[in-house]
Amino acid sequence: MQKKQNKKQRERLTTLLPYLIALASGILMGLTVAPVGAWFLAWIAIVPLWVLVVTSAKGKNQFPPAFLWGIGFHGVALFWITGIHPMTWLGVPWLPSLAITLFCWGFISVLGGVFVSIWAAVMVRVNGQKPWLRVLIGIAVWCGLESLWSAGPLWWSSLAYTQSPHNLVIVHLGQLSGPNTVTAAIAAVNGLIAEAYIKRQDIKMSSVPLRFVNKYLATATGLLITLHLIGFILYSRPIAQLPEAALKVGIIQGNIPNRLLRSSEGFRRAQENYTNGYLTLANQGVDAVLTPEGALPIFQRNLLETALVAAVKEKGVVAWIGAFGERGDSYTISLFTFNSKGEIVSRYDKAKLVPLGEYIPFEGILGGLVQRLSPLDAHQVPGSANQLFDTPFGRAIASICYESAFPEQFRRQAAMGGQFILSSSNDAHYTASMPFQHHAQDIMRAIETDRWSARATNTGYSAFVDPHGRTLWISGYNTYETHAETIYRRQTQTLYVRWDDWLTPLLLISSGGAWLVIRGMNKFTNFRNP
């Protein structure tokens, strides 16, 4: 009897083991970003998943482990979403607030699981192919799926951002073909290590020579070193700092808790903090001052009556002020340029809105239902996708909060002549890990476009970043701060800015073409030798 029970327990453990391994390796990938920042784990965290998918018997058991891997990665990396709870400051009771928070976190984690399951399904379909082709297809499909996901409204946790801000050398590959270049590098090294392990297991059951294992490990090591050398070459290039291109920018971190922003006390503090900060920076001789997203939570028509704009008229220093724009009966989250006379000369409207947080998806169908759960106004609308942001100092690349996760927003503006980045955000809803991840996203965008970046947030982390992704200064968290730094306008164009993401289509076409050719050759061989 005891032997039977022990056997059953071993069978249960054997059945559960693939799921536990997949979930654990997904969690390891999630630990690569803030708050842990163990970026080096990204180069091995896909290996267990790859092995499980390829070696699963006839592909019967690969989908649940792949799903759990995706949930592990995205669930851990995006755990900061839960920091929005409780939303009592918005008038949402504690339990509904918890329900909304868990739904948002759970939904995007499940979406990540679906994404990895699709990848696994393709890998099973090509399971009989040669290992080199399997690696090529695995890389191509992963990059293609990330491109597809980033084209939608819910995007944040790519493989590429696991390396920012700690491994700036490899992040420089983004200058070649965007973040998918880094994603492809991580997937390639993981795939080669996994194939080496699979070959090692084959040795135990057949006469496969050990040199095949060594070949894949050597290729993985050589690729890892080569990619870092290429990144180091790009990282080591000097940055021109021409005096005529210099621009001294000041930023204000107002540190107004979101729970106060909608109250008269919060608005009073916002006016006081941003006006005093502006005067302090103007007296330091800055050329312009940048404020966070929604620094003054009022509409454009009321901005001219504020003490901050009065200070702009008095000091004559350009200011970029975060407030609300109007479009018919709707409103936008906007960044306004005030010239030295206190006049609005340009406006950028946030184009990428947060689903449920800033707009209701499928409003005509779900509006009535979701509006009962969502505490926010459903009449916020996005700006157009092709905006340009001209300033008295030339064209800028503008980004408001969530847009930092979308590299195409920055690439397009750089290609159209944007010379420096202005990032305006409000991350006060969340714990400190989220704004640090946000800072890591902005670092990637600065490297990809080869631009200096000024980042102003409400409660942190505000920062200045150079084109190599080096943080020149970063603020404290939940602190009121002002800081000035000299950045430089640039008109260079990286390969990514010029040609967009050319690597992903190349990988998809080459891997698909190779698969079709080999499949055709096999059919021809079978036909000749029935």
Protein backbone atom coordinates (compact mmCIF):
# COMPACT_ATOMS: atom_id res chain seq x y z
CA MET A 1 0.00 0.00 0.00
CA GLN A 2 2.77 2.42 0.98
CA LYS A 3 4.63 1.66 -2.23
CA LYS A 4 1.53 2.46 -4.29
CA GLN A 5 1.05 5.77 -2.47
CA ASN A 6 4.70 6.70 -3.01
CA LYS A 7 4.38 5.82 -6.68
CA LYS A 8 1.30 7.99 -7.04
CA GLN A 9 3.06 10.89 -5.32
CA ARG A 10 6.03 10.53 -7.67
CA GLU A 11 3.67 10.48 -10.65
CA ARG A 12 1.93 13.63 -9.41
CA LEU A 13 5.27 15.34 -8.91
CA THR A 14 6.41 14.27 -12.36
CA THR A 15 3.18 15.66 -13.83
CA LEU A 16 3.45 18.95 -11.94
CA LEU A 17 7.18 19.43 -12.45
CA PRO A 18 7.00 20.99 -15.96
CA TYR A 19 4.42 23.51 -14.74
CA LEU A 20 6.49 24.44 -11.70
CA ILE A 21 9.66 24.79 -13.78
CA ALA A 22 7.91 26.98 -16.35
CA LEU A 23 6.34 29.22 -13.70
CA ALA A 24 9.63 29.52 -11.80
CA SER A 25 11.61 30.47 -14.91
CA GLY A 26 8.95 33.02 -15.87
CA ILE A 27 9.23 34.52 -12.39
CA LEU A 28 13.02 34.68 -12.84
CA MET A 29 12.48 36.72 -16.00
CA GLY A 30 10.16 39.01 -14.04
CA LEU A 31 12.93 39.63 -11.49
CA THR A 32 15.13 41.21 -14.16
CA VAL A 33 13.39 44.58 -13.81
CA ALA A 34 12.78 46.90 -10.86
CA PRO A 35 12.55 46.48 -7.94
CA VAL A 36 15.01 43.53 -8.12
CA GLY A 37 16.86 44.42 -11.33
CA ALA A 38 18.59 41.05 -11.84
CA TRP A 39 19.01 41.79 -15.57
CA PHE A 40 21.50 38.95 -16.17
CA LEU A 41 18.78 36.34 -15.56
CA ALA A 42 17.18 37.29 -18.89
CA TRP A 43 19.96 35.44 -20.74
CA ILE A 44 18.94 32.06 -19.24
CA ALA A 45 15.32 32.46 -18.07
CA ILE A 46 13.78 31.26 -21.37
CA VAL A 47 15.95 28.13 -21.52
CA PRO A 48 13.68 25.92 -19.33
CA LEU A 49 10.61 26.97 -21.32
CA TRP A 50 12.35 26.29 -24.63
CA VAL A 51 13.42 22.83 -23.50
CA LEU A 52 9.94 21.97 -22.20
CA VAL A 53 8.25 23.06 -25.42
CA VAL A 54 10.65 21.23 -27.74
CA THR A 55 10.88 18.00 -25.73
CA SER A 56 7.22 17.67 -24.75
CA ALA A 57 5.77 14.42 -26.09
CA LYS A 58 4.14 15.23 -29.42
CA GLY A 59 3.39 18.73 -28.18
CA LYS A 60 0.66 17.60 -25.82
CA ASN A 61 1.83 19.35 -22.67
CA GLN A 62 3.57 22.51 -23.84
CA PHE A 63 0.69 25.01 -23.69
CA PRO A 64 -0.05 25.13 -19.93
CA PRO A 65 3.68 25.51 -19.05
CA ALA A 66 4.09 28.24 -21.67
CA PHE A 67 0.99 29.99 -20.34
CA LEU A 68 2.37 29.83 -16.79
CA TRP A 69 5.75 31.17 -17.96
CA GLY A 70 4.04 34.21 -19.47
CA ILE A 71 1.98 34.80 -16.34
CA GLY A 72 5.10 34.45 -14.20
CA PHE A 73 7.08 37.00 -16.22
CA HIS A 74 4.42 39.63 -16.81
CA GLY A 75 2.71 39.12 -13.47
CA VAL A 76 5.91 39.77 -11.51
CA ALA A 77 7.23 42.53 -13.79
CA LEU A 78 3.89 44.36 -13.65
CA PHE A 79 3.08 43.74 -10.01
CA TRP A 80 3.37 47.50 -9.52
CA ILE A 81 -0.11 47.81 -11.05
CA THR A 82 -1.50 46.72 -7.69
CA GLY A 83 -0.05 49.90 -6.19
CA ILE A 84 -3.01 51.89 -7.52
CA HIS A 85 -5.16 50.30 -4.79
CA PRO A 86 -6.90 51.71 -2.81
CA MET A 87 -8.50 54.36 -5.04
CA THR A 88 -10.52 55.87 -2.22
CA TRP A 89 -9.10 59.28 -3.16
CA LEU A 90 -11.16 58.99 -6.35
CA GLY A 91 -14.28 58.10 -4.42
CA VAL A 92 -14.06 54.38 -5.15
CA PRO A 93 -14.88 52.15 -2.14
CA TRP A 94 -12.16 49.79 -0.93
CA LEU A 95 -13.60 46.51 -2.28
CA PRO A 96 -14.49 47.80 -5.79
CA SER A 97 -11.04 49.38 -5.90
CA LEU A 98 -9.46 46.02 -5.12
CA ALA A 99 -11.61 44.34 -7.80
CA ILE A 100 -10.57 46.87 -10.46
CA THR A 101 -6.91 46.57 -9.51
CA LEU A 102 -6.84 42.76 -9.56
CA PHE A 103 -8.75 42.69 -12.84
CA CYS A 104 -6.23 45.00 -14.54
CA TRP A 105 -3.21 43.12 -13.19
CA GLY A 106 -4.72 39.71 -13.91
CA PHE A 107 -5.86 40.60 -17.41
CA ILE A 108 -2.49 41.78 -18.65
CA SER A 109 -0.74 38.82 -16.96
CA VAL A 110 -3.10 36.41 -18.74
CA LEU A 111 -2.50 38.30 -21.98
CA GLY A 112 1.21 37.66 -21.49
CA GLY A 113 0.44 33.97 -20.97
CA VAL A 114 -1.54 33.85 -24.22
CA PHE A 115 1.32 35.52 -26.07
CA VAL A 116 3.85 32.91 -24.91
CA SER A 117 1.39 30.08 -25.64
CA ILE A 118 1.13 31.25 -29.26
CA TRP A 119 4.91 31.20 -29.48
CA ALA A 120 4.94 27.67 -28.05
CA ALA A 121 2.33 26.52 -30.57
CA VAL A 122 4.53 27.66 -33.45
CA MET A 123 7.59 26.00 -31.91
CA VAL A 124 5.71 22.70 -31.65
CA ARG A 125 4.70 23.01 -35.29
CA VAL A 126 8.38 23.20 -36.32
CA ASN A 127 9.59 20.69 -33.72
CA GLY A 128 10.95 18.30 -36.31
CA GLN A 129 13.19 20.88 -37.96
CA LYS A 130 16.94 21.22 -37.55
CA PRO A 131 17.97 22.99 -34.32
CA TRP A 132 19.46 26.01 -36.13
CA LEU A 133 16.20 26.56 -37.98
CA ARG A 134 14.22 26.07 -34.79
CA VAL A 135 16.31 28.80 -33.12
CA LEU A 136 15.83 31.15 -36.08
CA ILE A 137 12.07 30.59 -36.12
CA GLY A 138 11.84 30.95 -32.33
CA ILE A 139 13.59 34.34 -32.48
CA ALA A 140 11.51 35.56 -35.41
CA VAL A 141 8.16 34.56 -33.90
CA TRP A 142 8.98 36.09 -30.51
CA CYS A 143 9.96 39.39 -32.14
CA GLY A 144 6.90 39.30 -34.39
CA LEU A 145 4.56 38.72 -31.46
CA GLU A 146 6.14 41.55 -29.47
CA SER A 147 5.69 43.86 -32.47
CA LEU A 148 2.05 42.81 -32.75
CA TRP A 149 1.41 43.35 -29.04
CA SER A 150 3.14 46.75 -29.01
CA ALA A 151 0.87 47.90 -31.83
CA GLY A 152 -2.09 47.65 -29.43
CA PRO A 153 -3.01 49.72 -26.37
CA LEU A 154 -1.61 47.35 -23.70
CA TRP A 155 2.15 47.22 -23.87
CA TRP A 156 5.00 47.52 -21.40
CA SER A 157 7.09 44.44 -20.59
CA SER A 158 9.22 43.46 -23.58
CA LEU A 159 12.26 41.23 -23.27
CA ALA A 160 14.37 44.24 -24.26
CA TYR A 161 13.49 46.37 -21.25
CA THR A 162 14.89 43.71 -18.91
CA GLN A 163 18.35 45.12 -19.75
CA SER A 164 17.64 48.77 -18.99
CA PRO A 165 19.12 50.67 -17.20
CA HIS A 166 21.82 48.23 -15.98
CA ASN A 167 23.20 46.80 -19.25
CA LEU A 168 23.44 49.91 -21.39
CA VAL A 169 25.95 48.26 -23.73
CA ILE A 170 23.43 45.71 -25.03
CA VAL A 171 20.60 48.28 -25.06
CA HIS A 172 22.62 50.16 -27.71
CA LEU A 173 21.64 47.44 -30.18
CA GLY A 174 18.32 49.33 -30.22
CA GLN A 175 20.01 51.93 -32.43
CA LEU A 176 20.16 49.33 -35.20
CA SER A 177 16.52 48.20 -35.39
CA GLY A 178 14.78 49.29 -32.21
CA PRO A 179 14.08 47.25 -29.04
CA ASN A 180 13.38 44.08 -31.01
CA THR A 181 17.12 43.92 -31.73
CA VAL A 182 17.70 43.40 -28.00
CA THR A 183 14.77 40.99 -27.80
CA ALA A 184 16.23 38.96 -30.67
CA ALA A 185 19.62 38.84 -28.95
CA ILE A 186 18.11 37.53 -25.69
CA ALA A 187 15.94 34.96 -27.49
CA ALA A 188 18.90 33.78 -29.60
CA VAL A 189 21.23 33.15 -26.67
CA ASN A 190 18.49 31.38 -24.70
CA GLY A 191 17.57 29.25 -27.71
CA LEU A 192 21.14 28.15 -28.38
CA ILE A 193 21.70 27.19 -24.74
CA ALA A 194 18.41 25.27 -24.75
CA GLU A 195 19.34 23.40 -27.93
CA ALA A 196 22.70 22.48 -26.36
CA TYR A 197 20.86 21.01 -23.36
CA ILE A 198 18.47 19.10 -25.63
CA LYS A 199 21.43 17.66 -27.53
CA ARG A 200 23.04 16.70 -24.24
CA GLN A 201 19.93 14.73 -23.32
CA ASP A 202 19.98 13.06 -26.73
CA ILE A 203 23.53 11.84 -26.04
CA LYS A 204 22.25 9.79 -23.12
CA MET A 205 19.76 7.99 -25.38
CA SER A 206 21.70 7.77 -28.64
CA SER A 207 25.09 8.12 -30.21
CA VAL A 208 24.93 11.89 -30.79
CA PRO A 209 28.55 13.18 -30.59
CA LEU A 210 29.37 15.53 -27.73
CA ARG A 211 30.82 18.02 -30.21
CA PHE A 212 27.27 19.01 -31.22
CA VAL A 213 26.57 20.12 -27.65
CA ASN A 214 29.82 22.07 -27.53
CA LYS A 215 28.99 23.64 -30.88
CA TYR A 216 25.75 25.18 -29.63
CA LEU A 217 27.27 26.32 -26.33
CA ALA A 218 30.22 27.85 -28.17
CA THR A 219 27.86 29.61 -30.58
CA ALA A 220 25.78 30.97 -27.69
CA THR A 221 28.89 32.24 -25.91
CA GLY A 222 30.37 33.72 -29.07
CA LEU A 223 27.09 35.42 -29.96
CA LEU A 224 26.73 36.87 -26.46
CA ILE A 225 30.25 38.30 -26.58
CA THR A 226 29.93 39.58 -30.15
CA LEU A 227 26.63 41.34 -29.49
CA HIS A 228 28.08 43.05 -26.43
CA LEU A 229 31.14 44.10 -28.44
CA ILE A 230 28.88 45.69 -31.08
CA GLY A 231 26.95 47.43 -28.34
CA PHE A 232 30.18 48.61 -26.72
CA ILE A 233 31.36 50.12 -30.01
CA LEU A 234 28.10 52.07 -30.27
CA TYR A 235 28.26 52.98 -26.58
CA SER A 236 31.83 54.28 -26.91
CA ARG A 237 31.16 56.73 -29.73
CA PRO A 238 31.76 60.32 -28.57
CA ILE A 239 28.77 62.65 -28.24
CA ALA A 240 29.18 66.04 -29.94
CA GLN A 241 28.37 68.89 -27.55
CA LEU A 242 28.42 71.99 -29.75
CA PRO A 243 27.95 75.26 -27.82
CA GLU A 244 25.35 76.51 -30.31
CA ALA A 245 23.28 73.36 -29.70
CA ALA A 246 23.27 73.72 -25.91
CA LEU A 247 19.98 74.12 -24.08
CA LYS A 248 19.81 74.58 -20.32
CA VAL A 249 16.58 72.98 -19.12
CA GLY A 250 15.13 73.07 -15.64
CA ILE A 251 12.60 70.57 -14.32
CA ILE A 252 10.19 70.83 -11.41
CA GLN A 253 9.02 67.79 -9.46
CA GLY A 254 5.99 69.24 -7.69
CA ASN A 255 5.30 66.27 -5.39
CA ILE A 256 1.54 66.79 -5.16
CA PRO A 257 -0.17 63.51 -4.11
CA ASN A 258 -2.90 62.51 -6.55
CA ARG A 259 -5.41 62.30 -3.73
CA LEU A 260 -5.03 66.09 -3.34
CA LEU A 261 -4.88 67.15 -6.98
CA ARG A 262 -8.65 67.39 -7.42
CA SER A 263 -9.13 69.44 -4.26
CA SER A 264 -8.77 73.18 -3.82
CA GLU A 265 -5.88 72.54 -1.41
CA GLY A 266 -4.10 70.41 -4.00
CA PHE A 267 -4.50 73.02 -6.72
CA ARG A 268 -3.24 75.73 -4.34
CA ARG A 269 -0.14 73.66 -3.57
CA ALA A 270 0.41 72.91 -7.26
CA GLN A 271 0.29 76.61 -8.15
CA GLU A 272 2.65 77.44 -5.30
CA ASN A 273 5.16 74.65 -5.95
CA TYR A 274 5.37 75.08 -9.70
CA THR A 275 5.43 78.88 -9.60
CA ASN A 276 8.16 78.95 -6.95
CA GLY A 277 10.08 76.26 -8.78
CA TYR A 278 9.84 78.18 -12.03
CA LEU A 279 11.12 81.39 -10.40
CA THR A 280 14.00 79.49 -8.77
CA LEU A 281 15.07 77.96 -12.09
CA ALA A 282 14.58 81.21 -14.02
CA ASN A 283 16.91 82.95 -11.58
CA GLN A 284 19.49 80.21 -12.27
CA GLY A 285 19.55 81.23 -15.93
CA VAL A 286 17.81 78.29 -17.57
CA ASP A 287 16.52 78.57 -21.13
CA ALA A 288 13.31 76.64 -20.42
CA VAL A 289 11.39 74.87 -17.66
CA LEU A 290 9.60 71.50 -17.95
CA THR A 291 6.72 70.47 -15.68
CA PRO A 292 5.09 67.03 -15.25
CA GLU A 293 1.92 65.62 -16.79
CA GLY A 294 -1.11 67.45 -15.36
CA ALA A 295 1.05 69.77 -13.25
CA LEU A 296 -1.84 72.22 -13.23
CA PRO A 297 -5.04 70.12 -13.41
CA ILE A 298 -7.08 72.76 -15.24
CA PHE A 299 -8.19 73.41 -18.80
CA GLN A 300 -6.26 75.45 -21.32
CA ARG A 301 -8.69 78.37 -21.13
CA ASN A 302 -7.87 78.83 -17.43
CA LEU A 303 -4.10 78.56 -17.71
CA LEU A 304 -3.57 82.22 -18.57
CA GLU A 305 -5.06 83.23 -15.23
CA THR A 306 -2.57 81.23 -13.16
CA ALA A 307 0.35 82.56 -11.14
CA LEU A 308 2.70 80.26 -13.09
CA VAL A 309 1.89 81.89 -16.43
CA ALA A 310 2.14 85.31 -14.80
CA ALA A 311 5.66 84.33 -13.72
CA VAL A 312 6.47 83.29 -17.29
CA LYS A 313 5.42 86.73 -18.53
CA GLU A 314 7.53 88.35 -15.84
CA LYS A 315 10.72 86.31 -16.29
CA GLY A 316 10.49 85.64 -20.02
CA VAL A 317 11.75 82.03 -19.72
CA VAL A 318 10.01 79.43 -21.91
CA ALA A 319 7.88 76.92 -20.01
CA TRP A 320 6.36 73.57 -20.94
CA ILE A 321 3.30 73.19 -18.74
CA GLY A 322 1.24 70.04 -18.28
CA ALA A 323 -2.52 70.68 -18.19
CA PHE A 324 -5.76 69.68 -19.97
CA GLY A 325 -6.65 70.58 -23.54
CA GLU A 326 -10.15 70.74 -24.94
CA ARG A 327 -11.63 69.16 -28.04
CA GLY A 328 -15.34 69.77 -28.32
CA ASP A 329 -17.05 68.11 -25.35
CA SER A 330 -13.96 65.99 -24.66
CA TYR A 331 -10.56 66.75 -23.19
CA THR A 332 -6.94 65.76 -23.71
CA ILE A 333 -3.92 65.43 -21.44
CA SER A 334 -1.60 67.98 -22.98
CA LEU A 335 1.77 69.68 -22.79
CA PHE A 336 1.73 73.37 -23.72
CA THR A 337 4.66 75.51 -24.84
CA PHE A 338 4.56 79.04 -23.42
CA ASN A 339 6.99 81.43 -25.09
CA SER A 340 8.84 84.28 -23.37
CA LYS A 341 5.71 86.46 -23.64
CA GLY A 342 3.51 83.91 -21.87
CA GLU A 343 1.71 82.90 -25.08
CA ILE A 344 0.84 79.34 -26.08
CA VAL A 345 2.79 78.58 -29.25
CA SER A 346 2.43 74.78 -29.44
CA ARG A 347 0.56 71.91 -27.86
CA TYR A 348 1.10 68.16 -27.70
CA ASP A 349 -1.81 65.86 -26.79
CA LYS A 350 -1.16 62.48 -25.22
CA ALA A 351 -1.76 59.91 -27.98
CA LYS A 352 -1.42 56.63 -26.04
CA LEU A 353 -4.03 56.42 -23.29
CA VAL A 354 -4.27 53.78 -20.58
CA PRO A 355 -7.30 51.48 -21.12
CA LEU A 356 -9.88 51.77 -18.30
CA GLY A 357 -7.60 54.27 -16.55
CA GLU A 358 -7.95 57.02 -19.15
CA TYR A 359 -10.51 55.75 -21.62
CA ILE A 360 -13.10 52.99 -21.98
CA PRO A 361 -12.33 50.42 -24.70
CA PHE A 362 -15.28 49.69 -27.03
CA GLU A 363 -17.15 52.50 -25.34
CA GLY A 364 -20.27 52.02 -27.45
CA ILE A 365 -20.59 48.40 -26.26
CA LEU A 366 -18.99 48.37 -22.82
CA GLY A 367 -19.34 52.00 -21.80
CA GLY A 368 -22.38 51.58 -19.56
CA LEU A 369 -20.96 48.55 -17.78
CA VAL A 370 -17.34 49.70 -17.39
CA GLN A 371 -18.25 53.22 -16.34
CA ARG A 372 -19.81 51.76 -13.21
CA LEU A 373 -16.44 50.24 -12.33
CA SER A 374 -14.03 52.86 -13.64
CA PRO A 375 -13.62 55.94 -11.46
CA LEU A 376 -12.36 58.09 -14.33
CA ASP A 377 -14.11 60.23 -16.93
CA ALA A 378 -14.83 58.36 -20.15
CA HIS A 379 -14.58 61.53 -22.27
CA GLN A 380 -10.83 61.79 -22.38
CA VAL A 381 -9.62 61.40 -25.96
CA PRO A 382 -6.18 60.70 -27.46
CA GLY A 383 -4.16 63.07 -29.57
CA SER A 384 -3.47 62.26 -33.21
CA ALA A 385 -0.71 59.79 -34.03
CA ASN A 386 1.22 62.16 -36.32
CA GLN A 387 1.70 65.19 -34.06
CA LEU A 388 4.81 67.36 -34.17
CA PHE A 389 5.92 69.55 -31.27
CA ASP A 390 7.69 72.73 -32.32
CA THR A 391 9.25 74.94 -29.68
CA PRO A 392 11.24 78.21 -29.67
CA PHE A 393 14.38 76.02 -29.62
CA GLY A 394 13.44 73.78 -32.52
CA ARG A 395 11.37 70.65 -32.86
CA ALA A 396 11.18 68.40 -29.79
CA ILE A 397 10.20 64.76 -29.29
CA ALA A 398 7.30 64.92 -26.84
CA SER A 399 6.08 62.07 -24.66
CA ILE A 400 3.46 62.01 -21.93
CA CYS A 401 3.64 59.20 -19.36
CA TYR A 402 2.50 55.82 -20.80
CA GLU A 403 3.86 56.73 -24.24
CA SER A 404 7.39 55.94 -23.02
CA ALA A 405 6.65 52.25 -23.64
CA PHE A 406 5.99 52.81 -27.36
CA PRO A 407 9.27 53.29 -29.26
CA GLU A 408 7.51 54.14 -32.53
CA GLN A 409 6.19 57.35 -30.94
CA PHE A 410 9.76 58.52 -30.45
CA ARG A 411 11.17 57.11 -33.69
CA ARG A 412 8.61 58.90 -35.84
CA GLN A 413 9.17 62.25 -34.15
CA ALA A 414 12.96 61.86 -34.41
CA ALA A 415 12.64 61.03 -38.12
CA MET A 416 10.57 64.21 -38.55
CA GLY A 417 13.28 66.39 -37.04
CA GLY A 418 12.87 66.09 -33.26
CA GLN A 419 16.14 67.23 -31.70
CA PHE A 420 15.66 66.44 -27.99
CA ILE A 421 13.21 64.53 -25.81
CA LEU A 422 10.74 66.06 -23.36
CA SER A 423 9.08 63.40 -21.20
CA SER A 424 6.30 64.56 -18.88
CA SER A 425 4.72 62.02 -16.50
CA ASN A 426 2.70 61.44 -13.37
CA ASP A 427 3.49 58.09 -11.75
CA ALA A 428 2.13 59.03 -8.32
CA HIS A 429 -0.48 56.23 -8.39
CA TYR A 430 2.09 53.49 -7.97
CA THR A 431 4.94 52.16 -5.83
CA ALA A 432 8.55 53.15 -6.50
CA SER A 433 9.28 50.18 -8.80
CA MET A 434 6.95 51.51 -11.49
CA PRO A 435 8.58 54.95 -11.93
CA PHE A 436 11.99 53.27 -12.00
CA GLN A 437 10.79 50.95 -14.78
CA HIS A 438 9.38 54.06 -16.48
CA HIS A 439 12.79 55.71 -16.22
CA ALA A 440 14.30 52.57 -17.78
CA GLN A 441 11.88 52.87 -20.72
CA ASP A 442 12.89 56.51 -21.28
CA ILE A 443 16.56 55.49 -21.24
CA MET A 444 15.87 53.02 -24.07
CA ARG A 445 14.10 55.69 -26.11
CA ALA A 446 17.03 58.11 -25.66
CA ILE A 447 19.50 55.47 -26.87
CA GLU A 448 17.36 54.33 -29.83
CA THR A 449 16.89 57.88 -31.14
CA ASP A 450 20.35 59.15 -30.09
CA ARG A 451 18.81 62.08 -28.23
CA TRP A 452 19.23 63.88 -24.92
CA SER A 453 16.21 63.54 -22.67
CA ALA A 454 14.67 65.65 -19.90
CA ARG A 455 12.09 63.86 -17.76
CA ALA A 456 9.78 65.64 -15.32
CA THR A 457 7.45 63.69 -13.05
CA ASN A 458 5.09 64.60 -10.24
CA THR A 459 6.58 62.51 -7.43
CA GLY A 460 9.64 60.83 -9.04
CA TYR A 461 11.74 59.78 -10.70
CA SER A 462 12.59 62.90 -12.67
CA ALA A 463 15.87 62.73 -14.55
CA PHE A 464 18.21 63.90 -17.29
CA VAL A 465 19.62 61.27 -19.68
CA ASP A 466 22.27 61.56 -22.37
CA PRO A 467 22.13 59.79 -25.80
CA HIS A 468 24.11 56.85 -24.40
CA GLY A 469 21.46 56.27 -21.74
CA ARG A 470 23.61 57.52 -18.90
CA THR A 471 21.59 59.18 -16.16
CA LEU A 472 23.15 62.57 -15.47
CA TRP A 473 20.84 63.28 -12.55
CA ILE A 474 17.86 61.55 -11.00
CA SER A 475 15.51 62.88 -8.34
CA GLY A 476 14.44 61.36 -5.08
CA TYR A 477 11.07 59.70 -4.69
CA ASN A 478 8.11 61.52 -3.14
CA THR A 479 10.19 64.68 -2.86
CA TYR A 480 9.80 68.26 -4.08
CA GLU A 481 12.78 69.12 -6.27
CA THR A 482 14.04 71.46 -8.93
CA HIS A 483 17.11 70.81 -11.05
CA ALA A 484 18.78 72.32 -14.10
CA GLU A 485 21.01 70.54 -16.61
CA THR A 486 22.43 71.37 -20.02
CA ILE A 487 21.29 69.12 -22.84
CA TYR A 488 22.15 69.37 -26.52
CA ARG A 489 19.99 69.42 -29.62
CA ARG A 490 20.91 66.73 -32.14
CA GLN A 491 19.94 65.96 -35.72
CA THR A 492 21.63 62.58 -36.13
CA GLN A 493 19.60 59.60 -37.33
CA THR A 494 20.26 56.06 -36.19
CA LEU A 495 19.51 53.11 -38.46
CA TYR A 496 16.38 52.51 -36.43
CA VAL A 497 15.17 56.09 -36.91
CA ARG A 498 15.81 55.88 -40.65
CA TRP A 499 14.54 52.39 -41.43
CA ASP A 500 12.22 51.55 -38.52
CA ASP A 501 12.27 47.92 -37.29
CA TRP A 502 13.72 46.20 -40.35
CA LEU A 503 15.09 43.22 -38.37
CA THR A 504 11.76 41.61 -37.46
CA PRO A 505 10.46 41.38 -41.06
CA LEU A 506 13.87 40.08 -42.14
CA LEU A 507 13.80 37.37 -39.46
CA LEU A 508 10.22 36.37 -40.31
CA ILE A 509 10.88 36.22 -44.05
CA SER A 510 14.21 34.39 -43.78
CA SER A 511 12.99 31.84 -41.22
CA GLY A 512 9.72 31.27 -43.08
CA GLY A 513 11.55 30.94 -46.38
CA ALA A 514 14.09 28.50 -44.95
CA TRP A 515 11.30 26.41 -43.43
CA LEU A 516 9.43 26.25 -46.75
CA VAL A 517 12.57 25.34 -48.70
CA ILE A 518 13.55 22.55 -46.29
CA ARG A 519 9.97 21.29 -46.18
CA GLY A 520 9.86 21.21 -49.98
CA MET A 521 13.19 19.39 -50.15
CA ASN A 522 11.96 16.79 -47.68
CA LYS A 523 8.79 16.21 -49.68
CA PHE A 524 10.82 15.86 -52.86
CA THR A 525 13.16 13.35 -51.16
CA ASN A 526 10.21 11.35 -49.87
CA PHE A 527 8.68 11.37 -53.33
CA ARG A 528 11.91 10.12 -54.90
CA ASN A 529 12.41 7.50 -52.19
CA PRO A 530 8.96 6.20 -51.22
